[in-house]
């Protein structure tokens, strides 16, 4: 049976514990890299410059998202799935 122990602090006590744990033959120490939390950007960020293809895709995506939201709120009625699949 394998166990995982995560030490999130690099205090002297934690480092001493790791040093002692390394001496045990049944312990495997693996250091993992910390990941930085991603900064969220707003969808409507207008400060970015898009090329023509990106702008066209952005407009179509925002339109589709608005339509999906309208379907969820009941403002418009969704089409049948069979009709959509037949178009493809």
PDB file of N, CA and C in Angstrom:
ATOM      1  N   UNK A   1       0.851  -1.163   0.000  1.00  0.00           N
ATOM      2  CA  UNK A   1       0.000   0.000   0.000  1.00  0.00           C
ATOM      3  C   UNK A   1       0.904   1.235   0.000  1.00  0.00           C
ATOM      4  N   UNK A   2       0.593   2.185  -0.854  1.00  0.00           N
ATOM      5  CA  UNK A   2       1.386   3.406  -0.952  1.00  0.00           C
ATOM      6  C   UNK A   2       0.646   4.557  -0.290  1.00  0.00           C
ATOM      7  N   UNK A   3       1.390   5.413   0.347  1.00  0.00           N
ATOM      8  CA  UNK A   3       0.847   6.610   0.979  1.00  0.00           C
ATOM      9  C   UNK A   3       1.557   7.818   0.389  1.00  0.00           C
ATOM     10  N   UNK A   4       0.868   8.930   0.360  1.00  0.00           N
ATOM     11  CA  UNK A   4       1.459  10.174  -0.110  1.00  0.00           C
ATOM     12  C   UNK A   4       1.405  11.180   1.018  1.00  0.00           C
ATOM     13  N   UNK A   5       2.521  11.802   1.297  1.00  0.00           N
ATOM     14  CA  UNK A   5       2.621  12.815   2.334  1.00  0.00           C
ATOM     15  C   UNK A   5       3.076  14.094   1.661  1.00  0.00           C
ATOM     16  N   UNK A   6       2.311  15.156   1.798  1.00  0.00           N
ATOM     17  CA  UNK A   6       2.643  16.420   1.167  1.00  0.00           C
ATOM     18  C   UNK A   6       3.077  17.404   2.236  1.00  0.00           C
ATOM     19  N   UNK A   7       4.266  17.952   2.085  1.00  0.00           N
ATOM     20  CA  UNK A   7       4.778  18.957   3.013  1.00  0.00           C
ATOM     21  C   UNK A   7       4.820  20.266   2.246  1.00  0.00           C
ATOM     22  N   UNK A   8       4.038  21.234   2.694  1.00  0.00           N
ATOM     23  CA  UNK A   8       3.895  22.485   1.954  1.00  0.00           C
ATOM     24  C   UNK A   8       4.726  23.617   2.532  1.00  0.00           C
ATOM     25  N   UNK A   9       5.530  23.335   3.534  1.00  0.00           N
ATOM     26  CA  UNK A   9       6.280  24.378   4.198  1.00  0.00           C
ATOM     27  C   UNK A   9       7.757  24.019   4.161  1.00  0.00           C
ATOM     28  N   UNK A  10       8.613  24.988   3.953  1.00  0.00           N
ATOM     29  CA  UNK A  10      10.044  24.727   3.961  1.00  0.00           C
ATOM     30  C   UNK A  10      10.672  25.262   5.238  1.00  0.00           C
ATOM     31  N   UNK A  11       9.981  25.091   6.342  1.00  0.00           N
ATOM     32  CA  UNK A  11      10.504  25.513   7.639  1.00  0.00           C
ATOM     33  C   UNK A  11      11.641  24.578   8.049  1.00  0.00           C
ATOM     34  N   UNK A  12      12.464  24.973   9.011  1.00  0.00           N
ATOM     35  CA  UNK A  12      13.554  24.098   9.462  1.00  0.00           C
ATOM     36  C   UNK A  12      13.047  22.751   9.974  1.00  0.00           C
ATOM     37  N   UNK A  13      11.883  22.736  10.618  1.00  0.00           N
ATOM     38  CA  UNK A  13      11.335  21.480  11.125  1.00  0.00           C
ATOM     39  C   UNK A  13      10.947  20.557   9.968  1.00  0.00           C
ATOM     40  N   UNK A  14      10.341  21.125   8.935  1.00  0.00           N
ATOM     41  CA  UNK A  14       9.925  20.317   7.786  1.00  0.00           C
ATOM     42  C   UNK A  14      11.140  19.752   7.062  1.00  0.00           C
ATOM     43  N   UNK A  15      12.170  20.575   6.893  1.00  0.00           N
ATOM     44  CA  UNK A  15      13.379  20.108   6.214  1.00  0.00           C
ATOM     45  C   UNK A  15      14.096  19.044   7.039  1.00  0.00           C
ATOM     46  N   UNK A  16      14.080  19.188   8.366  1.00  0.00           N
ATOM     47  CA  UNK A  16      14.689  18.170   9.231  1.00  0.00           C
ATOM     48  C   UNK A  16      13.920  16.856   9.125  1.00  0.00           C
ATOM     49  N   UNK A  17      12.597  16.942   9.048  1.00  0.00           N
ATOM     50  CA  UNK A  17      11.776  15.741   8.896  1.00  0.00           C
ATOM     51  C   UNK A  17      12.104  15.025   7.588  1.00  0.00           C
ATOM     52  N   UNK A  18      12.241  15.793   6.524  1.00  0.00           N
ATOM     53  CA  UNK A  18      12.558  15.206   5.217  1.00  0.00           C
ATOM     54  C   UNK A  18      13.936  14.547   5.251  1.00  0.00           C
ATOM     55  N   UNK A  19      14.883  15.213   5.895  1.00  0.00           N
ATOM     56  CA  UNK A  19      16.236  14.661   5.995  1.00  0.00           C
ATOM     57  C   UNK A  19      16.224  13.317   6.724  1.00  0.00           C
ATOM     58  N   UNK A  20      15.455  13.232   7.799  1.00  0.00           N
ATOM     59  CA  UNK A  20      15.368  11.977   8.551  1.00  0.00           C
ATOM     60  C   UNK A  20      14.598  10.918   7.763  1.00  0.00           C
ATOM     61  N   UNK A  21      13.566  11.338   7.035  1.00  0.00           N
ATOM     62  CA  UNK A  21      12.762  10.384   6.265  1.00  0.00           C
ATOM     63  C   UNK A  21      13.575   9.767   5.129  1.00  0.00           C
ATOM     64  N   UNK A  22      14.529  10.529   4.575  1.00  0.00           N
ATOM     65  CA  UNK A  22      15.367  10.014   3.488  1.00  0.00           C
ATOM     66  C   UNK A  22      16.213   8.829   3.940  1.00  0.00           C
ATOM     67  N   UNK A  23      16.475   8.748   5.226  1.00  0.00           N
ATOM     68  CA  UNK A  23      17.317   7.672   5.755  1.00  0.00           C
ATOM     69  C   UNK A  23      16.595   6.329   5.770  1.00  0.00           C
ATOM     70  N   UNK A  24      15.283   6.344   5.699  1.00  0.00           N
ATOM     71  CA  UNK A  24      14.509   5.105   5.745  1.00  0.00           C
ATOM     72  C   UNK A  24      14.515   4.449   4.367  1.00  0.00           C
ATOM     73  N   UNK A  25      14.708   3.136   4.339  1.00  0.00           N
ATOM     74  CA  UNK A  25      14.824   2.439   3.061  1.00  0.00           C
ATOM     75  C   UNK A  25      13.492   2.280   2.329  1.00  0.00           C
ATOM     76  N   UNK A  26      12.388   2.421   3.010  1.00  0.00           N
ATOM     77  CA  UNK A  26      11.081   2.248   2.381  1.00  0.00           C
ATOM     78  C   UNK A  26      10.424   3.574   1.995  1.00  0.00           C
ATOM     79  N   UNK A  27      11.178   4.668   2.091  1.00  0.00           N
ATOM     80  CA  UNK A  27      10.633   5.993   1.783  1.00  0.00           C
ATOM     81  C   UNK A  27      11.248   6.487   0.483  1.00  0.00           C
ATOM     82  N   UNK A  28      10.400   7.005  -0.388  1.00  0.00           N
ATOM     83  CA  UNK A  28      10.850   7.602  -1.638  1.00  0.00           C
ATOM     84  C   UNK A  28      10.450   9.072  -1.599  1.00  0.00           C
ATOM     85  N   UNK A  29      11.413   9.969  -1.709  1.00  0.00           N
ATOM     86  CA  UNK A  29      11.167  11.408  -1.648  1.00  0.00           C
ATOM     87  C   UNK A  29      11.136  11.942  -3.078  1.00  0.00           C
ATOM     88  N   UNK A  30      10.084  12.652  -3.407  1.00  0.00           N
ATOM     89  CA  UNK A  30       9.949  13.280  -4.716  1.00  0.00           C
ATOM     90  C   UNK A  30       9.602  14.745  -4.502  1.00  0.00           C
ATOM     91  N   UNK A  31      10.431  15.624  -5.028  1.00  0.00           N
ATOM     92  CA  UNK A  31      10.161  17.049  -4.900  1.00  0.00           C
ATOM     93  C   UNK A  31       9.353  17.488  -6.115  1.00  0.00           C
ATOM     94  N   UNK A  32       8.258  18.168  -5.861  1.00  0.00           N
ATOM     95  CA  UNK A  32       7.407  18.633  -6.953  1.00  0.00           C
ATOM     96  C   UNK A  32       7.568  20.129  -7.127  1.00  0.00           C
ATOM     97  N   UNK A  33       7.359  20.554  -8.349  1.00  0.00           N
ATOM     98  CA  UNK A  33       7.466  21.963  -8.665  1.00  0.00           C
ATOM     99  C   UNK A  33       6.144  22.646  -8.336  1.00  0.00           C
ATOM    100  N   UNK A  34       6.228  23.808  -7.707  1.00  0.00           N
ATOM    101  CA  UNK A  34       5.009  24.548  -7.379  1.00  0.00           C
ATOM    102  C   UNK A  34       4.462  25.202  -8.636  1.00  0.00           C
ATOM    103  N   UNK A  35       3.162  25.168  -8.758  1.00  0.00           N
ATOM    104  CA  UNK A  35       2.524  25.845  -9.879  1.00  0.00           C
ATOM    105  C   UNK A  35       1.958  27.160  -9.388  1.00  0.00           C
ATOM    106  N   UNK A  36       2.156  28.177 -10.173  1.00  0.00           N
ATOM    107  CA  UNK A  36       1.629  29.491  -9.813  1.00  0.00           C
ATOM    108  C   UNK A  36       0.175  29.565 -10.246  1.00  0.00           C
ATOM    109  N   UNK A  37      -0.670  30.160  -9.423  1.00  0.00           N
ATOM    110  CA  UNK A  37      -2.071  30.288  -9.828  1.00  0.00           C
ATOM    111  C   UNK A  37      -2.189  31.218 -11.028  1.00  0.00           C
ATOM    112  N   UNK A  38      -3.060  30.826 -11.945  1.00  0.00           N
ATOM    113  CA  UNK A  38      -3.261  31.626 -13.148  1.00  0.00           C
ATOM    114  C   UNK A  38      -4.112  32.842 -12.827  1.00  0.00           C
ATOM    115  N   UNK A  39      -3.783  33.937 -13.463  1.00  0.00           N
ATOM    116  CA  UNK A  39      -4.554  35.157 -13.304  1.00  0.00           C
ATOM    117  C   UNK A  39      -5.692  35.114 -14.307  1.00  0.00           C
ATOM    118  N   UNK A  40      -6.897  35.278 -13.808  1.00  0.00           N
ATOM    119  CA  UNK A  40      -8.055  35.228 -14.696  1.00  0.00           C
ATOM    120  C   UNK A  40      -8.183  36.545 -15.448  1.00  0.00           C
ATOM    121  N   UNK A  41      -8.514  36.430 -16.721  1.00  0.00           N
ATOM    122  CA  UNK A  41      -8.779  37.611 -17.518  1.00  0.00           C
ATOM    123  C   UNK A  41     -10.254  37.628 -17.854  1.00  0.00           C
ATOM    124  N   UNK A  42     -10.774  38.802 -17.957  1.00  0.00           N
ATOM    125  CA  UNK A  42     -12.198  38.902 -18.260  1.00  0.00           C
ATOM    126  C   UNK A  42     -12.428  38.613 -19.735  1.00  0.00           C
ATOM    127  N   UNK A  43     -13.599  38.085 -20.049  1.00  0.00           N
ATOM    128  CA  UNK A  43     -13.932  37.726 -21.425  1.00  0.00           C
ATOM    129  C   UNK A  43     -14.053  38.975 -22.286  1.00  0.00           C
ATOM    130  N   UNK A  44     -14.581  40.032 -21.732  1.00  0.00           N
ATOM    131  CA  UNK A  44     -14.809  41.253 -22.492  1.00  0.00           C
ATOM    132  C   UNK A  44     -13.635  42.204 -22.461  1.00  0.00           C
ATOM    133  N   UNK A  45     -12.416  41.697 -22.365  1.00  0.00           N
ATOM    134  CA  UNK A  45     -11.240  42.552 -22.309  1.00  0.00           C
ATOM    135  C   UNK A  45     -11.030  43.190 -23.675  1.00  0.00           C
ATOM    136  N   UNK A  46     -11.312  44.468 -23.787  1.00  0.00           N
ATOM    137  CA  UNK A  46     -11.254  45.162 -25.074  1.00  0.00           C
ATOM    138  C   UNK A  46      -9.873  45.740 -25.359  1.00  0.00           C
ATOM    139  N   UNK A  47      -8.925  45.639 -24.426  1.00  0.00           N
ATOM    140  CA  UNK A  47      -7.619  46.241 -24.637  1.00  0.00           C
ATOM    141  C   UNK A  47      -6.735  45.400 -25.558  1.00  0.00           C
ATOM    142  N   UNK A  48      -7.123  44.179 -25.820  1.00  0.00           N
ATOM    143  CA  UNK A  48      -6.317  43.300 -26.663  1.00  0.00           C
ATOM    144  C   UNK A  48      -6.580  43.595 -28.136  1.00  0.00           C
ATOM    145  N   UNK A  49      -5.542  43.472 -28.940  1.00  0.00           N
ATOM    146  CA  UNK A  49      -5.662  43.702 -30.378  1.00  0.00           C
ATOM    147  C   UNK A  49      -5.725  42.343 -31.070  1.00  0.00           C
ATOM    148  N   UNK A  50      -6.749  42.149 -31.901  1.00  0.00           N
ATOM    149  CA  UNK A  50      -6.949  40.895 -32.613  1.00  0.00           C
ATOM    150  C   UNK A  50      -6.712  41.116 -34.098  1.00  0.00           C
ATOM    151  N   UNK A  51      -6.223  40.068 -34.779  1.00  0.00           N
ATOM    152  CA  UNK A  51      -6.151  40.169 -36.229  1.00  0.00           C
ATOM    153  C   UNK A  51      -7.544  39.851 -36.783  1.00  0.00           C
ATOM    154  N   UNK A  52      -7.715  39.931 -38.080  1.00  0.00           N
ATOM    155  CA  UNK A  52      -9.043  39.783 -38.684  1.00  0.00           C
ATOM    156  C   UNK A  52      -9.645  38.408 -38.413  1.00  0.00           C
ATOM    157  N   UNK A  53      -8.844  37.363 -38.523  1.00  0.00           N
ATOM    158  CA  UNK A  53      -9.347  36.007 -38.310  1.00  0.00           C
ATOM    159  C   UNK A  53      -9.747  35.805 -36.850  1.00  0.00           C
ATOM    160  N   UNK A  54      -8.936  36.314 -35.934  1.00  0.00           N
ATOM    161  CA  UNK A  54      -9.255  36.186 -34.513  1.00  0.00           C
ATOM    162  C   UNK A  54     -10.514  36.972 -34.162  1.00  0.00           C
ATOM    163  N   UNK A  55     -10.652  38.150 -34.733  1.00  0.00           N
ATOM    164  CA  UNK A  55     -11.826  38.977 -34.445  1.00  0.00           C
ATOM    165  C   UNK A  55     -13.096  38.307 -34.959  1.00  0.00           C
ATOM    166  N   UNK A  56     -13.024  37.704 -36.148  1.00  0.00           N
ATOM    167  CA  UNK A  56     -14.180  37.002 -36.704  1.00  0.00           C
ATOM    168  C   UNK A  56     -14.566  35.825 -35.807  1.00  0.00           C
ATOM    169  N   UNK A  57     -13.568  35.044 -35.383  1.00  0.00           N
ATOM    170  CA  UNK A  57     -13.828  33.913 -34.493  1.00  0.00           C
ATOM    171  C   UNK A  57     -14.392  34.399 -33.165  1.00  0.00           C
ATOM    172  N   UNK A  58     -13.845  35.482 -32.632  1.00  0.00           N
ATOM    173  CA  UNK A  58     -14.304  36.034 -31.349  1.00  0.00           C
ATOM    174  C   UNK A  58     -15.767  36.456 -31.436  1.00  0.00           C
ATOM    175  N   UNK A  59     -16.127  37.142 -32.511  1.00  0.00           N
ATOM    176  CA  UNK A  59     -17.521  37.576 -32.679  1.00  0.00           C
ATOM    177  C   UNK A  59     -18.458  36.380 -32.764  1.00  0.00           C
ATOM    178  N   UNK A  60     -18.069  35.349 -33.549  1.00  0.00           N
ATOM    179  CA  UNK A  60     -18.915  34.158 -33.690  1.00  0.00           C
ATOM    180  C   UNK A  60     -19.051  33.416 -32.363  1.00  0.00           C
ATOM    181  N   UNK A  61     -17.958  33.334 -31.610  1.00  0.00           N
ATOM    182  CA  UNK A  61     -17.987  32.650 -30.323  1.00  0.00           C
ATOM    183  C   UNK A  61     -18.875  33.391 -29.330  1.00  0.00           C
ATOM    184  N   UNK A  62     -18.722  34.708 -29.250  1.00  0.00           N
ATOM    185  CA  UNK A  62     -19.550  35.482 -28.324  1.00  0.00           C
ATOM    186  C   UNK A  62     -21.026  35.405 -28.705  1.00  0.00           C
ATOM    187  N   UNK A  63     -21.317  35.389 -30.012  1.00  0.00           N
ATOM    188  CA  UNK A  63     -22.699  35.259 -30.469  1.00  0.00           C
ATOM    189  C   UNK A  63     -23.265  33.901 -30.069  1.00  0.00           C
ATOM    190  N   UNK A  64     -22.472  32.841 -30.244  1.00  0.00           N
ATOM    191  CA  UNK A  64     -22.923  31.493 -29.875  1.00  0.00           C
ATOM    192  C   UNK A  64     -23.127  31.375 -28.370  1.00  0.00           C
ATOM    193  N   UNK A  65     -22.249  31.987 -27.594  1.00  0.00           N
ATOM    194  CA  UNK A  65     -22.412  31.960 -26.137  1.00  0.00           C
ATOM    195  C   UNK A  65     -23.675  32.700 -25.710  1.00  0.00           C
ATOM    196  N   UNK A  66     -23.962  33.821 -26.375  1.00  0.00           N
ATOM    197  CA  UNK A  66     -25.178  34.569 -26.052  1.00  0.00           C
ATOM    198  C   UNK A  66     -26.414  33.752 -26.415  1.00  0.00           C
ATOM    199  N   UNK A  67     -26.376  33.076 -27.571  1.00  0.00           N
ATOM    200  CA  UNK A  67     -27.503  32.237 -27.961  1.00  0.00           C
ATOM    201  C   UNK A  67     -27.701  31.091 -26.977  1.00  0.00           C
ATOM    202  N   UNK A  68     -26.616  30.482 -26.531  1.00  0.00           N
ATOM    203  CA  UNK A  68     -26.726  29.392 -25.553  1.00  0.00           C
ATOM    204  C   UNK A  68     -27.326  29.902 -24.252  1.00  0.00           C
ATOM    205  N   UNK A  69     -26.927  31.095 -23.844  1.00  0.00           N
ATOM    206  CA  UNK A  69     -27.485  31.687 -22.628  1.00  0.00           C
ATOM    207  C   UNK A  69     -28.968  31.996 -22.816  1.00  0.00           C
ATOM    208  N   UNK A  70     -29.343  32.486 -23.999  1.00  0.00           N
ATOM    209  CA  UNK A  70     -30.755  32.775 -24.275  1.00  0.00           C
ATOM    210  C   UNK A  70     -31.594  31.502 -24.262  1.00  0.00           C
ATOM    211  N   UNK A  71     -31.039  30.399 -24.764  1.00  0.00           N
ATOM    212  CA  UNK A  71     -31.759  29.121 -24.739  1.00  0.00           C
ATOM    213  C   UNK A  71     -31.959  28.674 -23.296  1.00  0.00           C
ATOM    214  N   UNK A  72     -30.923  28.809 -22.487  1.00  0.00           N
ATOM    215  CA  UNK A  72     -31.023  28.391 -21.080  1.00  0.00           C
ATOM    216  C   UNK A  72     -32.057  29.214 -20.316  1.00  0.00           C
ATOM    217  N   UNK A  73     -32.125  30.513 -20.615  1.00  0.00           N
ATOM    218  CA  UNK A  73     -33.076  31.370 -19.903  1.00  0.00           C
ATOM    219  C   UNK A  73     -34.475  31.300 -20.497  1.00  0.00           C
ATOM    220  N   UNK A  74     -34.631  30.659 -21.653  1.00  0.00           N
ATOM    221  CA  UNK A  74     -35.946  30.497 -22.253  1.00  0.00           C
ATOM    222  C   UNK A  74     -36.346  31.616 -23.193  1.00  0.00           C
ATOM    223  N   UNK A  75     -35.440  32.503 -23.537  1.00  0.00           N
ATOM    224  CA  UNK A  75     -35.762  33.605 -24.443  1.00  0.00           C
ATOM    225  C   UNK A  75     -35.978  33.113 -25.870  1.00  0.00           C
ATOM    226  N   UNK A  76     -35.207  32.093 -26.264  1.00  0.00           N
ATOM    227  CA  UNK A  76     -35.396  31.498 -27.582  1.00  0.00           C
ATOM    228  C   UNK A  76     -35.487  29.989 -27.410  1.00  0.00           C
ATOM    229  N   UNK A  77     -36.075  29.334 -28.404  1.00  0.00           N
ATOM    230  CA  UNK A  77     -36.237  27.887 -28.350  1.00  0.00           C
ATOM    231  C   UNK A  77     -35.106  27.229 -29.134  1.00  0.00           C
ATOM    232  N   UNK A  78     -34.555  26.179 -28.574  1.00  0.00           N
ATOM    233  CA  UNK A  78     -33.460  25.462 -29.228  1.00  0.00           C
ATOM    234  C   UNK A  78     -34.005  24.601 -30.353  1.00  0.00           C
ATOM    235  N   UNK A  79     -33.185  24.409 -31.382  1.00  0.00           N
ATOM    236  CA  UNK A  79     -33.568  23.539 -32.484  1.00  0.00           C
ATOM    237  C   UNK A  79     -33.425  22.079 -32.091  1.00  0.00           C
ATOM    238  N   UNK A  80     -33.891  21.207 -32.944  1.00  0.00           N
ATOM    239  CA  UNK A  80     -33.807  19.774 -32.671  1.00  0.00           C
ATOM    240  C   UNK A  80     -32.402  19.271 -32.968  1.00  0.00           C
ATOM    241  N   UNK A  81     -31.954  18.322 -32.176  1.00  0.00           N
ATOM    242  CA  UNK A  81     -30.625  17.751 -32.349  1.00  0.00           C
ATOM    243  C   UNK A  81     -30.520  17.004 -33.678  1.00  0.00           C
ATOM    244  N   UNK A  82     -31.583  16.319 -34.077  1.00  0.00           N
ATOM    245  CA  UNK A  82     -31.558  15.585 -35.347  1.00  0.00           C
ATOM    246  C   UNK A  82     -31.325  16.530 -36.522  1.00  0.00           C
ATOM    247  N   UNK A  83     -31.940  17.708 -36.483  1.00  0.00           N
ATOM    248  CA  UNK A  83     -31.741  18.681 -37.559  1.00  0.00           C
ATOM    249  C   UNK A  83     -30.284  19.135 -37.619  1.00  0.00           C
ATOM    250  N   UNK A  84     -29.699  19.364 -36.459  1.00  0.00           N
ATOM    251  CA  UNK A  84     -28.303  19.779 -36.411  1.00  0.00           C
ATOM    252  C   UNK A  84     -27.391  18.686 -36.959  1.00  0.00           C
ATOM    253  N   UNK A  85     -27.632  17.455 -36.557  1.00  0.00           N
ATOM    254  CA  UNK A  85     -26.792  16.350 -37.020  1.00  0.00           C
ATOM    255  C   UNK A  85     -26.963  16.103 -38.514  1.00  0.00           C
ATOM    256  N   UNK A  86     -28.154  16.317 -39.045  1.00  0.00           N
ATOM    257  CA  UNK A  86     -28.376  16.143 -40.482  1.00  0.00           C
ATOM    258  C   UNK A  86     -27.642  17.203 -41.295  1.00  0.00           C
ATOM    259  N   UNK A  87     -27.454  18.390 -40.725  1.00  0.00           N
ATOM    260  CA  UNK A  87     -26.712  19.442 -41.420  1.00  0.00           C
ATOM    261  C   UNK A  87     -25.247  19.076 -41.576  1.00  0.00           C
ATOM    262  N   UNK A  88     -24.735  18.352 -40.599  1.00  0.00           N
ATOM    263  CA  UNK A  88     -23.315  17.976 -40.652  1.00  0.00           C
ATOM    264  C   UNK A  88     -23.135  16.886 -41.669  1.00  0.00           C
TER     265      UNK A  88
END
